[in-house]
């Protein structure tokens, strides 16, 4: 869990989640000058917290040393 790769993976996922949630709030049809920025940041922060918690919960489930739940598929040889 404390590997550098795990924390880099977790940070990348959290940053992407924050950006995606913030963009989703912007896409609701409200002009940017009428947007409730406190609520938008709160929604993005909540999504980021969920991302971090799900990454921590995935420890030992997917590929070792990453924040992923998904295991890599087996590679097949070309015959």
N, C-alpha and C. Protein backbone atom coordinates (compact mmCIF):
# COMPACT_ATOMS: atom_id res chain seq x y z
N UNK A 1 0.82 -1.20 0.00
CA UNK A 1 0.00 0.00 0.00
C UNK A 1 0.86 1.26 0.00
N UNK A 2 1.95 1.22 0.64
CA UNK A 2 2.75 2.43 0.77
C UNK A 2 3.77 2.60 -0.35
N UNK A 3 3.60 1.87 -1.44
CA UNK A 3 4.55 2.00 -2.54
C UNK A 3 4.34 3.33 -3.26
N UNK A 4 5.39 3.81 -3.85
CA UNK A 4 5.33 5.08 -4.59
C UNK A 4 4.36 4.96 -5.77
N UNK A 5 4.36 3.81 -6.43
CA UNK A 5 3.47 3.60 -7.58
C UNK A 5 2.00 3.67 -7.16
N UNK A 6 1.68 3.10 -6.00
CA UNK A 6 0.30 3.14 -5.50
C UNK A 6 -0.15 4.58 -5.28
N UNK A 7 0.67 5.37 -4.61
CA UNK A 7 0.29 6.75 -4.30
C UNK A 7 0.21 7.62 -5.55
N UNK A 8 1.09 7.37 -6.52
CA UNK A 8 1.01 8.10 -7.80
C UNK A 8 -0.28 7.73 -8.52
N UNK A 9 -0.62 6.45 -8.52
CA UNK A 9 -1.84 5.98 -9.17
C UNK A 9 -3.07 6.57 -8.48
N UNK A 10 -3.07 6.56 -7.15
CA UNK A 10 -4.18 7.12 -6.39
C UNK A 10 -4.33 8.61 -6.68
N UNK A 11 -3.23 9.35 -6.70
CA UNK A 11 -3.28 10.79 -6.96
C UNK A 11 -3.80 11.08 -8.36
N UNK A 12 -3.34 10.30 -9.34
CA UNK A 12 -3.81 10.51 -10.71
C UNK A 12 -5.32 10.29 -10.80
N UNK A 13 -5.80 9.22 -10.19
CA UNK A 13 -7.24 8.93 -10.21
C UNK A 13 -8.03 10.03 -9.51
N UNK A 14 -7.53 10.51 -8.38
CA UNK A 14 -8.23 11.54 -7.62
C UNK A 14 -8.29 12.85 -8.39
N UNK A 15 -7.20 13.24 -9.02
CA UNK A 15 -7.17 14.49 -9.80
C UNK A 15 -8.12 14.41 -10.99
N UNK A 16 -8.11 13.27 -11.68
CA UNK A 16 -9.02 13.10 -12.81
C UNK A 16 -10.47 13.13 -12.36
N UNK A 17 -10.76 12.49 -11.24
CA UNK A 17 -12.13 12.48 -10.72
C UNK A 17 -12.58 13.88 -10.36
N UNK A 18 -11.71 14.65 -9.71
CA UNK A 18 -12.04 16.03 -9.35
C UNK A 18 -12.37 16.84 -10.60
N UNK A 19 -11.52 16.75 -11.61
CA UNK A 19 -11.73 17.51 -12.85
C UNK A 19 -13.01 17.08 -13.55
N UNK A 20 -13.27 15.78 -13.60
CA UNK A 20 -14.48 15.29 -14.27
C UNK A 20 -15.74 15.73 -13.54
N UNK A 21 -15.73 15.67 -12.21
CA UNK A 21 -16.89 16.10 -11.44
C UNK A 21 -17.13 17.60 -11.59
N UNK A 22 -16.07 18.38 -11.58
CA UNK A 22 -16.21 19.82 -11.75
C UNK A 22 -16.75 20.15 -13.14
N UNK A 23 -16.26 19.48 -14.15
CA UNK A 23 -16.77 19.69 -15.51
C UNK A 23 -18.23 19.26 -15.63
N UNK A 24 -18.61 18.21 -14.93
CA UNK A 24 -20.01 17.77 -14.96
C UNK A 24 -20.92 18.83 -14.35
N UNK A 25 -20.48 19.47 -13.29
CA UNK A 25 -21.26 20.55 -12.68
C UNK A 25 -21.38 21.72 -13.64
N UNK A 26 -20.31 22.02 -14.37
CA UNK A 26 -20.34 23.12 -15.33
C UNK A 26 -21.25 22.83 -16.52
N UNK A 27 -21.49 21.56 -16.79
CA UNK A 27 -22.25 21.18 -17.97
C UNK A 27 -23.76 21.10 -17.72
N UNK A 28 -24.23 21.56 -16.59
CA UNK A 28 -25.66 21.44 -16.28
C UNK A 28 -26.51 22.53 -16.89
N UNK A 29 -25.94 23.40 -17.67
CA UNK A 29 -26.71 24.41 -18.37
C UNK A 29 -26.79 25.76 -17.67
N UNK A 30 -26.00 25.94 -16.64
CA UNK A 30 -25.98 27.22 -15.93
C UNK A 30 -24.79 28.02 -16.45
N UNK A 31 -25.00 29.29 -16.79
CA UNK A 31 -23.85 30.10 -17.21
C UNK A 31 -22.79 30.14 -16.11
N UNK A 32 -21.55 30.21 -16.51
CA UNK A 32 -20.43 30.13 -15.56
C UNK A 32 -20.50 31.25 -14.52
N UNK A 33 -21.02 32.41 -14.87
CA UNK A 33 -21.09 33.52 -13.92
C UNK A 33 -22.23 33.34 -12.91
N UNK A 34 -23.19 32.43 -13.20
CA UNK A 34 -24.28 32.15 -12.26
C UNK A 34 -24.05 30.89 -11.44
N UNK A 35 -22.94 30.24 -11.65
CA UNK A 35 -22.66 28.97 -10.98
C UNK A 35 -22.38 29.19 -9.49
N UNK A 36 -22.92 28.31 -8.67
CA UNK A 36 -22.63 28.32 -7.24
C UNK A 36 -21.31 27.58 -7.04
N UNK A 37 -20.22 28.35 -7.00
CA UNK A 37 -18.89 27.75 -6.98
C UNK A 37 -18.62 26.95 -5.71
N UNK A 38 -19.19 27.37 -4.60
CA UNK A 38 -18.99 26.61 -3.35
C UNK A 38 -19.60 25.22 -3.48
N UNK A 39 -20.79 25.14 -4.05
CA UNK A 39 -21.42 23.83 -4.26
C UNK A 39 -20.66 23.00 -5.29
N UNK A 40 -20.20 23.64 -6.35
CA UNK A 40 -19.45 22.93 -7.39
C UNK A 40 -18.18 22.32 -6.82
N UNK A 41 -17.45 23.09 -6.01
CA UNK A 41 -16.23 22.58 -5.39
C UNK A 41 -16.55 21.48 -4.38
N UNK A 42 -17.66 21.62 -3.67
CA UNK A 42 -18.07 20.59 -2.71
C UNK A 42 -18.41 19.28 -3.38
N UNK A 43 -19.09 19.36 -4.52
CA UNK A 43 -19.42 18.15 -5.28
C UNK A 43 -18.15 17.49 -5.80
N UNK A 44 -17.25 18.29 -6.35
CA UNK A 44 -15.99 17.74 -6.86
C UNK A 44 -15.14 17.15 -5.73
N UNK A 45 -15.12 17.80 -4.58
CA UNK A 45 -14.36 17.28 -3.44
C UNK A 45 -14.95 15.97 -2.93
N UNK A 46 -16.28 15.87 -2.90
CA UNK A 46 -16.92 14.63 -2.47
C UNK A 46 -16.59 13.49 -3.42
N UNK A 47 -16.65 13.76 -4.72
CA UNK A 47 -16.29 12.73 -5.71
C UNK A 47 -14.83 12.31 -5.55
N UNK A 48 -13.96 13.26 -5.26
CA UNK A 48 -12.55 12.96 -5.06
C UNK A 48 -12.34 12.09 -3.83
N UNK A 49 -13.04 12.39 -2.75
CA UNK A 49 -12.94 11.58 -1.54
C UNK A 49 -13.39 10.15 -1.81
N UNK A 50 -14.48 9.99 -2.55
CA UNK A 50 -14.96 8.66 -2.90
C UNK A 50 -13.92 7.92 -3.74
N UNK A 51 -13.28 8.63 -4.66
CA UNK A 51 -12.23 8.02 -5.48
C UNK A 51 -11.07 7.54 -4.62
N UNK A 52 -10.64 8.37 -3.69
CA UNK A 52 -9.52 8.00 -2.81
C UNK A 52 -9.90 6.80 -1.95
N UNK A 53 -11.09 6.82 -1.38
CA UNK A 53 -11.52 5.71 -0.53
C UNK A 53 -11.64 4.41 -1.32
N UNK A 54 -12.15 4.49 -2.55
CA UNK A 54 -12.25 3.27 -3.36
C UNK A 54 -10.87 2.75 -3.76
N UNK A 55 -9.93 3.64 -3.97
CA UNK A 55 -8.56 3.21 -4.28
C UNK A 55 -7.93 2.52 -3.08
N UNK A 56 -8.13 3.07 -1.90
CA UNK A 56 -7.60 2.44 -0.69
C UNK A 56 -8.28 1.10 -0.45
N UNK A 57 -9.59 1.03 -0.70
CA UNK A 57 -10.32 -0.22 -0.51
C UNK A 57 -9.88 -1.31 -1.49
N UNK A 58 -9.27 -0.92 -2.59
CA UNK A 58 -8.87 -1.90 -3.61
C UNK A 58 -7.51 -2.53 -3.33
N UNK A 59 -6.89 -2.14 -2.23
CA UNK A 59 -5.57 -2.71 -1.89
C UNK A 59 -5.69 -4.22 -1.78
N UNK A 60 -4.84 -4.91 -2.50
CA UNK A 60 -4.82 -6.36 -2.45
C UNK A 60 -5.82 -7.05 -3.36
N UNK A 61 -6.60 -6.27 -4.13
CA UNK A 61 -7.61 -6.87 -4.99
C UNK A 61 -7.12 -7.00 -6.42
N UNK A 62 -6.64 -5.92 -6.99
CA UNK A 62 -6.21 -5.92 -8.40
C UNK A 62 -4.72 -6.16 -8.53
N UNK A 63 -4.13 -5.44 -9.43
CA UNK A 63 -2.70 -5.54 -9.67
C UNK A 63 -1.95 -5.03 -8.44
N UNK A 64 -1.03 -5.82 -7.93
CA UNK A 64 -0.29 -5.46 -6.72
C UNK A 64 0.46 -4.14 -6.91
N UNK A 65 0.37 -3.25 -5.93
CA UNK A 65 1.10 -1.99 -5.96
C UNK A 65 0.40 -0.88 -6.70
N UNK A 66 -0.85 -1.11 -7.15
CA UNK A 66 -1.60 -0.05 -7.82
C UNK A 66 -2.91 0.20 -7.08
N UNK A 67 -3.62 1.24 -7.47
CA UNK A 67 -4.91 1.56 -6.87
C UNK A 67 -6.06 0.98 -7.69
N UNK A 68 -5.77 0.03 -8.54
CA UNK A 68 -6.77 -0.54 -9.44
C UNK A 68 -7.41 -1.79 -8.85
N UNK A 69 -8.70 -1.95 -9.08
CA UNK A 69 -9.41 -3.16 -8.69
C UNK A 69 -9.28 -4.21 -9.79
N UNK A 70 -9.05 -3.76 -11.00
CA UNK A 70 -9.02 -4.64 -12.16
C UNK A 70 -7.67 -5.33 -12.27
N UNK A 71 -7.70 -6.63 -12.46
CA UNK A 71 -6.47 -7.38 -12.72
C UNK A 71 -6.17 -7.30 -14.20
N UNK A 72 -4.91 -7.35 -14.53
CA UNK A 72 -4.53 -7.35 -15.94
C UNK A 72 -4.90 -8.68 -16.57
N UNK A 73 -5.42 -8.65 -17.80
CA UNK A 73 -5.74 -9.92 -18.46
C UNK A 73 -4.47 -10.70 -18.77
N UNK A 74 -4.62 -12.00 -18.83
CA UNK A 74 -3.48 -12.85 -19.16
C UNK A 74 -3.04 -12.58 -20.59
N UNK A 75 -1.75 -12.63 -20.81
CA UNK A 75 -1.22 -12.44 -22.16
C UNK A 75 -1.09 -13.80 -22.82
N UNK A 76 -1.57 -13.88 -24.02
CA UNK A 76 -1.52 -15.14 -24.75
C UNK A 76 -0.38 -15.11 -25.75
N UNK A 77 0.21 -16.25 -25.92
CA UNK A 77 1.30 -16.36 -26.89
C UNK A 77 0.74 -16.46 -28.29
N UNK A 78 1.46 -15.89 -29.22
CA UNK A 78 1.11 -16.08 -30.63
C UNK A 78 1.68 -17.41 -31.06
N UNK A 79 0.87 -18.19 -31.68
CA UNK A 79 1.35 -19.50 -32.12
C UNK A 79 1.46 -19.55 -33.62
